[in-house]
PDB file of N, CA and C in Angstrom:
ATOM      1  N   MET A   1      25.324   5.088 -10.991  1.00  0.00           N
ATOM      2  CA  MET A   1      23.612   5.012 -10.725  1.00  0.00           C
ATOM      3  C   MET A   1      23.171   5.035 -12.563  1.00  0.00           C
ATOM      4  N   ARG A   2      23.394   5.510 -13.557  1.00  0.00           N
ATOM      5  CA  ARG A   2      23.070   5.767 -14.843  1.00  0.00           C
ATOM      6  C   ARG A   2      22.273   4.550 -14.689  1.00  0.00           C
ATOM      7  N   THR A   3      23.662   3.129 -14.891  1.00  0.00           N
ATOM      8  CA  THR A   3      23.507   1.542 -14.894  1.00  0.00           C
ATOM      9  C   THR A   3      22.264   1.199 -15.160  1.00  0.00           C
ATOM     10  N   PHE A   4      21.877   1.339 -13.045  1.00  0.00           N
ATOM     11  CA  PHE A   4      21.667   1.083 -12.488  1.00  0.00           C
ATOM     12  C   PHE A   4      19.902   1.638 -13.049  1.00  0.00           C
ATOM     13  N   SER A   5      19.720   2.753 -13.001  1.00  0.00           N
ATOM     14  CA  SER A   5      18.541   3.255 -13.728  1.00  0.00           C
ATOM     15  C   SER A   5      17.924   2.487 -15.104  1.00  0.00           C
ATOM     16  N   ARG A   6      18.676   2.687 -15.994  1.00  0.00           N
ATOM     17  CA  ARG A   6      18.489   1.765 -17.468  1.00  0.00           C
ATOM     18  C   ARG A   6      18.104   0.610 -16.958  1.00  0.00           C
ATOM     19  N   ARG A   7      19.178   0.175 -16.007  1.00  0.00           N
ATOM     20  CA  ARG A   7      18.831  -1.286 -16.406  1.00  0.00           C
ATOM     21  C   ARG A   7      17.430  -1.762 -15.303  1.00  0.00           C
ATOM     22  N   LEU A   8      17.027  -0.852 -14.939  1.00  0.00           N
ATOM     23  CA  LEU A   8      15.666  -1.234 -13.568  1.00  0.00           C
ATOM     24  C   LEU A   8      14.681  -0.128 -14.522  1.00  0.00           C
ATOM     25  N   LEU A   9      15.134   0.488 -15.867  1.00  0.00           N
ATOM     26  CA  LEU A   9      13.403   0.837 -16.811  1.00  0.00           C
ATOM     27  C   LEU A   9      14.373   0.032 -17.531  1.00  0.00           C
ATOM     28  N   ALA A  10      14.369  -1.161 -17.448  1.00  0.00           N
ATOM     29  CA  ALA A  10      14.928  -1.958 -19.366  1.00  0.00           C
ATOM     30  C   ALA A  10      13.901  -3.496 -18.460  1.00  0.00           C
ATOM     31  N   GLY A  11      14.307  -3.563 -17.314  1.00  0.00           N
ATOM     32  CA  GLY A  11      13.730  -4.778 -16.657  1.00  0.00           C
ATOM     33  C   GLY A  11      12.092  -4.949 -16.420  1.00  0.00           C
ATOM     34  N   THR A  12      11.755  -3.367 -15.359  1.00  0.00           N
ATOM     35  CA  THR A  12      10.874  -2.864 -15.073  1.00  0.00           C
ATOM     36  C   THR A  12       9.436  -2.493 -15.789  1.00  0.00           C
ATOM     37  N   GLY A  13      10.525  -1.665 -16.880  1.00  0.00           N
ATOM     38  CA  GLY A  13       9.399  -0.710 -17.565  1.00  0.00           C
ATOM     39  C   GLY A  13       9.246   0.871 -16.797  1.00  0.00           C
ATOM     40  N   ARG A  14       9.909   0.644 -15.941  1.00  0.00           N
ATOM     41  CA  ARG A  14       9.785   1.834 -15.304  1.00  0.00           C
ATOM     42  C   ARG A  14      11.182   2.596 -14.310  1.00  0.00           C
ATOM     43  N   ALA A  15      11.036   3.985 -14.145  1.00  0.00           N
ATOM     44  CA  ALA A  15      12.204   4.815 -13.518  1.00  0.00           C
ATOM     45  C   ALA A  15      12.776   4.208 -12.253  1.00  0.00           C
ATOM     46  N   PRO A  16      13.240   4.943 -11.728  1.00  0.00           N
ATOM     47  CA  PRO A  16      13.469   4.182  -9.809  1.00  0.00           C
ATOM     48  C   PRO A  16      13.097   4.859  -9.871  1.00  0.00           C
ATOM     49  N   GLY A  17      12.768   6.434  -9.605  1.00  0.00           N
ATOM     50  CA  GLY A  17      11.461   6.687  -8.622  1.00  0.00           C
ATOM     51  C   GLY A  17       9.880   6.505  -8.739  1.00  0.00           C
ATOM     52  N   ARG A  18       9.625   5.927 -10.227  1.00  0.00           N
ATOM     53  CA  ARG A  18       8.242   5.460 -10.439  1.00  0.00           C
ATOM     54  C   ARG A  18       7.922   4.038  -9.625  1.00  0.00           C
ATOM     55  N   TRP A  19       9.145   2.989  -9.657  1.00  0.00           N
ATOM     56  CA  TRP A  19       8.973   1.475  -9.326  1.00  0.00           C
ATOM     57  C   TRP A  19       9.204   1.688  -7.896  1.00  0.00           C
ATOM     58  N   LEU A  20       9.545   2.369  -7.029  1.00  0.00           N
ATOM     59  CA  LEU A  20       9.891   2.509  -5.634  1.00  0.00           C
ATOM     60  C   LEU A  20       9.173   2.994  -5.611  1.00  0.00           C
ATOM     61  N   THR A  21       7.971   3.426  -5.965  1.00  0.00           N
ATOM     62  CA  THR A  21       6.344   3.970  -5.363  1.00  0.00           C
ATOM     63  C   THR A  21       5.061   3.356  -5.307  1.00  0.00           C
ATOM     64  N   ALA A  22       5.485   2.916  -6.601  1.00  0.00           N
ATOM     65  CA  ALA A  22       4.395   0.946  -6.712  1.00  0.00           C
ATOM     66  C   ALA A  22       4.572   0.698  -6.346  1.00  0.00           C
ATOM     67  N   GLU A  23       6.231   0.259  -5.306  1.00  0.00           N
ATOM     68  CA  GLU A  23       6.319  -0.976  -4.460  1.00  0.00           C
ATOM     69  C   GLU A  23       5.478  -1.079  -2.622  1.00  0.00           C
ATOM     70  N   ARG A  24       6.085   0.935  -2.630  1.00  0.00           N
ATOM     71  CA  ARG A  24       5.696   1.833  -1.788  1.00  0.00           C
ATOM     72  C   ARG A  24       3.581   1.450  -1.474  1.00  0.00           C
ATOM     73  N   LEU A  25       3.501   1.272  -2.617  1.00  0.00           N
ATOM     74  CA  LEU A  25       1.905   1.234  -2.531  1.00  0.00           C
ATOM     75  C   LEU A  25       1.697   0.035  -2.750  1.00  0.00           C
ATOM     76  N   GLU A  26       2.126  -0.959  -3.229  1.00  0.00           N
ATOM     77  CA  GLU A  26       1.822  -2.035  -3.461  1.00  0.00           C
ATOM     78  C   GLU A  26       1.747  -2.968  -1.329  1.00  0.00           C
ATOM     79  N   LEU A  27       2.820  -2.291  -1.157  1.00  0.00           N
ATOM     80  CA  LEU A  27       3.146  -2.584   0.643  1.00  0.00           C
ATOM     81  C   LEU A  27       1.708  -2.512   1.061  1.00  0.00           C
ATOM     82  N   ALA A  28       1.343  -0.952   0.634  1.00  0.00           N
ATOM     83  CA  ALA A  28       0.606  -0.222   1.622  1.00  0.00           C
ATOM     84  C   ALA A  28      -1.228  -0.478   1.388  1.00  0.00           C
ATOM     85  N   CYS A  29      -1.333  -1.097  -0.043  1.00  0.00           N
ATOM     86  CA  CYS A  29      -2.535  -1.784   0.346  1.00  0.00           C
ATOM     87  C   CYS A  29      -2.282  -3.318   0.438  1.00  0.00           C
ATOM     88  N   ARG A  30      -1.497  -3.485   0.880  1.00  0.00           N
ATOM     89  CA  ARG A  30      -1.821  -5.136   1.271  1.00  0.00           C
ATOM     90  C   ARG A  30      -1.944  -4.941   2.589  1.00  0.00           C
ATOM     91  N   MET A  31      -1.048  -3.494   3.656  1.00  0.00           N
ATOM     92  CA  MET A  31      -1.363  -3.564   4.908  1.00  0.00           C
ATOM     93  C   MET A  31      -2.748  -3.402   5.637  1.00  0.00           C
ATOM     94  N   PRO A  32      -3.559  -2.301   5.095  1.00  0.00           N
ATOM     95  CA  PRO A  32      -5.053  -3.054   5.346  1.00  0.00           C
ATOM     96  C   PRO A  32      -6.000  -4.204   5.487  1.00  0.00           C
ATOM     97  N   GLU A  33      -5.353  -4.759   4.251  1.00  0.00           N
ATOM     98  CA  GLU A  33      -6.136  -6.085   3.965  1.00  0.00           C
ATOM     99  C   GLU A  33      -6.130  -7.226   5.183  1.00  0.00           C
ATOM    100  N   PHE A  34      -5.081  -6.954   6.256  1.00  0.00           N
ATOM    101  CA  PHE A  34      -5.386  -8.164   6.830  1.00  0.00           C
ATOM    102  C   PHE A  34      -5.083  -7.451   8.795  1.00  0.00           C
ATOM    103  N   SER A  35      -5.047  -5.951   8.934  1.00  0.00           N
ATOM    104  CA  SER A  35      -5.208  -5.623   9.984  1.00  0.00           C
ATOM    105  C   SER A  35      -5.590  -3.968   9.792  1.00  0.00           C
ATOM    106  N   ASP A  36      -5.960  -3.347  10.996  1.00  0.00           N
ATOM    107  CA  ASP A  36      -6.604  -2.043  10.540  1.00  0.00           C
ATOM    108  C   ASP A  36      -5.737  -0.808  11.802  1.00  0.00           C
ATOM    109  N   PRO A  37      -4.585  -1.286  10.380  1.00  0.00           N
ATOM    110  CA  PRO A  37      -3.700   0.211  11.229  1.00  0.00           C
ATOM    111  C   PRO A  37      -3.849   1.183  11.171  1.00  0.00           C
ATOM    112  N   PRO A  38      -3.502   1.979  12.217  1.00  0.00           N
ATOM    113  CA  PRO A  38      -3.793   3.270  11.358  1.00  0.00           C
ATOM    114  C   PRO A  38      -3.172   3.850   9.835  1.00  0.00           C
ATOM    115  N   MET A  39      -3.545   4.888   9.259  1.00  0.00           N
ATOM    116  CA  MET A  39      -3.801   5.459   7.883  1.00  0.00           C
ATOM    117  C   MET A  39      -1.452   5.909   8.115  1.00  0.00           C
ATOM    118  N   ASP A  40      -1.736   6.726   9.508  1.00  0.00           N
ATOM    119  CA  ASP A  40      -0.322   7.234   9.210  1.00  0.00           C
ATOM    120  C   ASP A  40       1.231   6.433   9.606  1.00  0.00           C
ATOM    121  N   ARG A  41       0.245   5.049  10.464  1.00  0.00           N
ATOM    122  CA  ARG A  41       1.403   3.786  10.824  1.00  0.00           C
ATOM    123  C   ARG A  41       1.455   3.660   9.794  1.00  0.00           C
ATOM    124  N   VAL A  42       0.842   3.110   8.468  1.00  0.00           N
ATOM    125  CA  VAL A  42       0.932   2.473   7.216  1.00  0.00           C
ATOM    126  C   VAL A  42       1.636   3.499   6.563  1.00  0.00           C
ATOM    127  N   ALA A  43       1.335   4.514   6.434  1.00  0.00           N
ATOM    128  CA  ALA A  43       2.035   5.128   5.689  1.00  0.00           C
ATOM    129  C   ALA A  43       3.608   5.927   6.139  1.00  0.00           C
ATOM    130  N   GLU A  44       3.625   5.657   7.169  1.00  0.00           N
ATOM    131  CA  GLU A  44       5.176   5.705   7.459  1.00  0.00           C
ATOM    132  C   GLU A  44       5.920   4.165   7.277  1.00  0.00           C
ATOM    133  N   GLN A  45       5.407   3.302   7.583  1.00  0.00           N
ATOM    134  CA  GLN A  45       5.618   1.742   7.219  1.00  0.00           C
ATOM    135  C   GLN A  45       6.202   1.091   5.737  1.00  0.00           C
ATOM    136  N   ALA A  46       4.880   2.135   5.394  1.00  0.00           N
ATOM    137  CA  ALA A  46       5.617   1.554   3.683  1.00  0.00           C
ATOM    138  C   ALA A  46       6.345   3.117   3.126  1.00  0.00           C
ATOM    139  N   GLY A  47       6.879   3.666   3.824  1.00  0.00           N
ATOM    140  CA  GLY A  47       8.344   4.862   3.078  1.00  0.00           C
ATOM    141  C   GLY A  47       7.503   6.030   2.804  1.00  0.00           C
ATOM    142  N   PHE A  48       6.553   6.121   3.317  1.00  0.00           N
ATOM    143  CA  PHE A  48       5.484   7.237   2.377  1.00  0.00           C
ATOM    144  C   PHE A  48       5.637   8.714   3.957  1.00  0.00           C
ATOM    145  N   GLY A  49       6.403   9.512   3.143  1.00  0.00           N
ATOM    146  CA  GLY A  49       5.899  10.745   4.711  1.00  0.00           C
ATOM    147  C   GLY A  49       5.047  11.100   5.213  1.00  0.00           C
ATOM    148  N   SER A  50       3.876  10.543   5.418  1.00  0.00           N
ATOM    149  CA  SER A  50       3.268  11.088   5.809  1.00  0.00           C
ATOM    150  C   SER A  50       1.405  10.158   5.124  1.00  0.00           C
ATOM    151  N   ALA A  51       0.765  10.286   6.151  1.00  0.00           N
ATOM    152  CA  ALA A  51      -0.917   9.879   5.424  1.00  0.00           C
ATOM    153  C   ALA A  51      -1.272  11.040   4.035  1.00  0.00           C
ATOM    154  N   SER A  52      -0.683  11.805   4.199  1.00  0.00           N
ATOM    155  CA  SER A  52      -1.658  13.189   3.538  1.00  0.00           C
ATOM    156  C   SER A  52      -0.568  12.400   2.338  1.00  0.00           C
ATOM    157  N   SER A  53       0.866  12.348   1.707  1.00  0.00           N
ATOM    158  CA  SER A  53       1.264  11.630   0.719  1.00  0.00           C
ATOM    159  C   SER A  53       0.884  10.121   0.456  1.00  0.00           C
ATOM    160  N   LEU A  54       0.342   9.360   1.287  1.00  0.00           N
ATOM    161  CA  LEU A  54      -0.236   8.077   1.360  1.00  0.00           C
ATOM    162  C   LEU A  54      -1.685   8.524   0.017  1.00  0.00           C
ATOM    163  N   ARG A  55      -2.531   9.183   0.905  1.00  0.00           N
ATOM    164  CA  ARG A  55      -3.774   9.475   0.169  1.00  0.00           C
ATOM    165  C   ARG A  55      -3.457   9.695  -1.016  1.00  0.00           C
ATOM    166  N   GLN A  56      -2.587  11.197  -1.013  1.00  0.00           N
ATOM    167  CA  GLN A  56      -2.058  11.688  -3.181  1.00  0.00           C
ATOM    168  C   GLN A  56      -1.895  10.417  -3.583  1.00  0.00           C
ATOM    169  N   HIS A  57      -1.009   9.405  -3.275  1.00  0.00           N
ATOM    170  CA  HIS A  57      -0.050   8.822  -4.295  1.00  0.00           C
ATOM    171  C   HIS A  57      -1.441   7.754  -4.412  1.00  0.00           C
ATOM    172  N   LEU A  58      -1.683   7.118  -3.537  1.00  0.00           N
ATOM    173  CA  LEU A  58      -3.506   5.634  -3.219  1.00  0.00           C
ATOM    174  C   LEU A  58      -3.930   6.620  -4.839  1.00  0.00           C
ATOM    175  N   SER A  59      -4.565   7.660  -4.331  1.00  0.00           N
ATOM    176  CA  SER A  59      -5.531   7.963  -5.167  1.00  0.00           C
ATOM    177  C   SER A  59      -5.505   8.810  -6.749  1.00  0.00           C
ATOM    178  N   ALA A  60      -3.945   8.983  -6.812  1.00  0.00           N
ATOM    179  CA  ALA A  60      -3.324   8.999  -7.967  1.00  0.00           C
ATOM    180  C   ALA A  60      -3.307   7.327  -8.971  1.00  0.00           C
ATOM    181  N   ALA A  61      -2.935   6.309  -8.269  1.00  0.00           N
ATOM    182  CA  ALA A  61      -2.711   5.569  -9.124  1.00  0.00           C
ATOM    183  C   ALA A  61      -3.673   4.371  -9.253  1.00  0.00           C
ATOM    184  N   ILE A  62      -5.295   4.573  -7.973  1.00  0.00           N
ATOM    185  CA  ILE A  62      -6.119   3.270  -8.303  1.00  0.00           C
ATOM    186  C   ILE A  62      -7.682   3.932  -8.516  1.00  0.00           C
ATOM    187  N   GLY A  63      -7.672   5.805  -7.488  1.00  0.00           N
ATOM    188  CA  GLY A  63      -8.540   6.062  -7.970  1.00  0.00           C
ATOM    189  C   GLY A  63      -9.636   6.065  -6.785  1.00  0.00           C
ATOM    190  N   VAL A  64      -8.689   5.650  -5.415  1.00  0.00           N
ATOM    191  CA  VAL A  64      -9.593   5.545  -4.248  1.00  0.00           C
ATOM    192  C   VAL A  64      -8.564   6.046  -3.275  1.00  0.00           C
ATOM    193  N   SER A  65      -9.469   6.898  -1.987  1.00  0.00           N
ATOM    194  CA  SER A  65      -8.934   6.525  -0.839  1.00  0.00           C
ATOM    195  C   SER A  65      -8.730   6.106  -0.468  1.00  0.00           C
ATOM    196  N   PRO A  66      -7.403   6.301   0.453  1.00  0.00           N
ATOM    197  CA  PRO A  66      -7.074   4.529   1.647  1.00  0.00           C
ATOM    198  C   PRO A  66      -8.289   4.549   2.106  1.00  0.00           C
ATOM    199  N   ALA A  67      -9.239   5.108   3.018  1.00  0.00           N
ATOM    200  CA  ALA A  67     -10.453   5.099   3.711  1.00  0.00           C
ATOM    201  C   ALA A  67     -11.099   3.927   2.466  1.00  0.00           C
ATOM    202  N   ALA A  68     -11.279   4.821   0.962  1.00  0.00           N
ATOM    203  CA  ALA A  68     -12.380   3.367   0.536  1.00  0.00           C
ATOM    204  C   ALA A  68     -11.663   2.438   0.734  1.00  0.00           C
ATOM    205  N   TYR A  69     -10.706   2.272   0.218  1.00  0.00           N
ATOM    206  CA  TYR A  69      -9.710   1.054  -0.210  1.00  0.00           C
ATOM    207  C   TYR A  69     -10.271   0.053   0.912  1.00  0.00           C
ATOM    208  N   ARG A  70      -9.876   1.086   2.354  1.00  0.00           N
ATOM    209  CA  ARG A  70      -9.858  -0.276   3.199  1.00  0.00           C
ATOM    210  C   ARG A  70     -11.375  -0.816   3.745  1.00  0.00           C
ATOM    211  N   ARG A  71     -12.238   0.018   3.585  1.00  0.00           N
ATOM    212  CA  ARG A  71     -13.883  -0.288   3.255  1.00  0.00           C
ATOM    213  C   ARG A  71     -13.815  -1.841   2.452  1.00  0.00           C
ATOM    214  N   THR A  72     -13.000  -1.907   1.512  1.00  0.00           N
ATOM    215  CA  THR A  72     -14.038  -2.532   0.427  1.00  0.00           C
ATOM    216  C   THR A  72     -13.350  -3.819   1.009  1.00  0.00           C
ATOM    217  N   PHE A  73     -11.824  -3.878   2.034  1.00  0.00           N
ATOM    218  CA  PHE A  73     -11.405  -5.231   2.668  1.00  0.00           C
ATOM    219  C   PHE A  73     -11.623  -5.649   4.042  1.00  0.00           C
ATOM    220  N   GLN A  74     -12.111  -4.068   4.752  1.00  0.00           N
ATOM    221  CA  GLN A  74     -13.214  -4.815   6.296  1.00  0.00           C
ATOM    222  C   GLN A  74     -13.956  -5.615   6.218  1.00  0.00           C
ATOM    223  N   GLY A  75     -13.972  -6.428   6.624  1.00  0.00           N
ATOM    224  CA  GLY A  75     -15.236  -7.402   7.993  1.00  0.00           C
ATOM    225  C   GLY A  75     -15.435  -8.531   6.280  1.00  0.00           C
ATOM    226  N   ARG A  76     -14.563  -8.716   5.454  1.00  0.00           N
ATOM    227  CA  ARG A  76     -14.023 -10.042   4.565  1.00  0.00           C
ATOM    228  C   ARG A  76     -13.887 -11.225   5.244  1.00  0.00           C
ATOM    229  N   ASP A  77     -12.774 -10.977   6.515  1.00  0.00           N
ATOM    230  CA  ASP A  77     -12.032 -12.189   6.398  1.00  0.00           C
ATOM    231  C   ASP A  77     -12.771 -12.642   8.086  1.00  0.00           C
ATOM    232  N   ARG A  78     -14.078 -11.577   8.349  1.00  0.00           N
ATOM    233  CA  ARG A  78     -14.196 -11.473  10.188  1.00  0.00           C
ATOM    234  C   ARG A  78     -15.037 -13.061  10.094  1.00  0.00           C
ATOM    235  N   GLY A  79     -15.652 -13.341  11.425  1.00  0.00           N
ATOM    236  CA  GLY A  79     -16.258 -14.540  11.173  1.00  0.00           C
ATOM    237  C   GLY A  79     -17.386 -13.556  12.723  1.00  0.00           C
ATOM    238  N   PRO A  80     -18.686 -14.451  12.612  1.00  0.00           N
ATOM    239  CA  PRO A  80     -19.833 -13.649  13.012  1.00  0.00           C
ATOM    240  C   PRO A  80     -19.410 -12.860  14.648  1.00  0.00           C
ATOM    241  N   THR A  81     -18.820 -13.699  15.638  1.00  0.00           N
ATOM    242  CA  THR A  81     -18.437 -12.150  16.997  1.00  0.00           C
ATOM    243  C   THR A  81     -17.949 -11.200  16.209  1.00  0.00           C
ATOM    244  N   GLY A  82     -16.928 -11.063  14.717  1.00  0.00           N
ATOM    245  CA  GLY A  82     -16.547  -9.885  14.630  1.00  0.00           C
ATOM    246  C   GLY A  82     -14.616  -9.645  14.660  1.00  0.00           C
ATOM    247  N   ARG A  83     -14.372 -10.688  15.629  1.00  0.00           N
ATOM    248  CA  ARG A  83     -12.840 -11.320  15.459  1.00  0.00           C
ATOM    249  C   ARG A  83     -12.493 -11.386  13.421  1.00  0.00           C
ATOM    250  N   ARG A  84     -11.304 -11.836  13.389  1.00  0.00           N
ATOM    251  CA  ARG A  84     -11.135 -11.635  11.971  1.00  0.00           C
ATOM    252  C   ARG A  84      -9.594 -12.876  12.361  1.00  0.00           C
ATOM    253  N   LEU A  85     -10.521 -13.413  11.278  1.00  0.00           N
ATOM    254  CA  LEU A  85     -10.231 -15.134  11.074  1.00  0.00           C
ATOM    255  C   LEU A  85      -8.579 -15.371  10.640  1.00  0.00           C
ATOM    256  N   VAL A  86      -8.069 -14.225  10.103  1.00  0.00           N
ATOM    257  CA  VAL A  86      -6.102 -13.924   9.796  1.00  0.00           C
ATOM    258  C   VAL A  86      -5.807 -13.089  10.153  1.00  0.00           C
ATOM    259  N   ASP A  87      -4.815 -13.848  10.893  1.00  0.00           N
ATOM    260  CA  ASP A  87      -3.756 -12.515  11.736  1.00  0.00           C
ATOM    261  C   ASP A  87      -2.811 -12.421  10.283  1.00  0.00           C
ATOM    262  N   ALA A  88      -2.573 -11.006  10.646  1.00  0.00           N
ATOM    263  CA  ALA A  88      -2.050 -10.228   9.983  1.00  0.00           C
ATOM    264  C   ALA A  88       0.184 -11.245   9.715  1.00  0.00           C
ATOM    265  N   ASP A  89       0.072 -11.635  10.676  1.00  0.00           N
ATOM    266  CA  ASP A  89       1.558 -12.116  10.859  1.00  0.00           C
ATOM    267  C   ASP A  89       1.809 -13.860  10.298  1.00  0.00           C
ATOM    268  N   ASN A  90       0.280 -14.351   9.989  1.00  0.00           N
ATOM    269  CA  ASN A  90       0.787 -15.634   9.094  1.00  0.00           C
ATOM    270  C   ASN A  90       0.779 -15.735   7.655  1.00  0.00           C
TER     271      ASN A  90
END
């Protein structure tokens, strides 16, 4: 485990816990860009224990709440009918 930790730190510049949190945040941030899942589902699928934990980590990392982050992308890829132009599965 120590060898893995040293190599991950050398390769990414992050300790394993920080690397994992960053990867989870990246996934959690991508999900609301393409769909409107509830924050509980986003947190669960990204590996956070709860929406509360996701909010705390996101606020610490980028300084905004998940709701504010989601509003950044809401409507950006919608057509005149309000329907999404991009599917999350594409």
